[in-house]
């Protein structure tokens, strides 16, 4: 039976000892299971494993070989645009497969879905209007209900799309890029 006592603004719960210890190691350490479980969750919350990624470490036979996060990623994304853009977080992920296939995934998080759409519209329009742009053959694709802007240039094919507030730019070789888009659409 639990005994609950109120002292000031704190509530004390006295629980009778159980005849069976929760685990022999815990008995040796003279702690209760509840204290160790609480400490585990507290430590986990204080030391997160890193930023939540809007994509996987393995995509369609490609493995993540380099990841840029934080301020360095935002600097790289702004450099790609030639000016600062309004994003909260960003990632640049470099993938490579066993056969030498490579892909780069640039990802930025806008403050809203509307802003993410606007960023894509402005970016593509500026690229189309620029006389110096290395990109050509712009087209809009429907990939399982996802609106994707596709174009070619710099020896690769490119796909730009939005998923919720995340804006993706994928650069890869023609053979596997659509599988990457489908994978991110499904999981990212």
Foldseek 3Di string as FASTA:
>chain_A
DWDWDDDPPDIDIDDDDDPDAPDVVCVVVVHHPVVVVVVVVVVCVVDPPDDDDLADQDAPQKGFDDKDWDPVLQVVVCVVQVHHDAFDIWMWTWIAHPVGWIKIKTKTFHPWPVSLVVVVVVSVVVLVPDPPRQKDDWDWDQQPNWTWIWIDGPQWIWIWGDDTRMIIIMTTHPPCPSSRVVRSNVRD
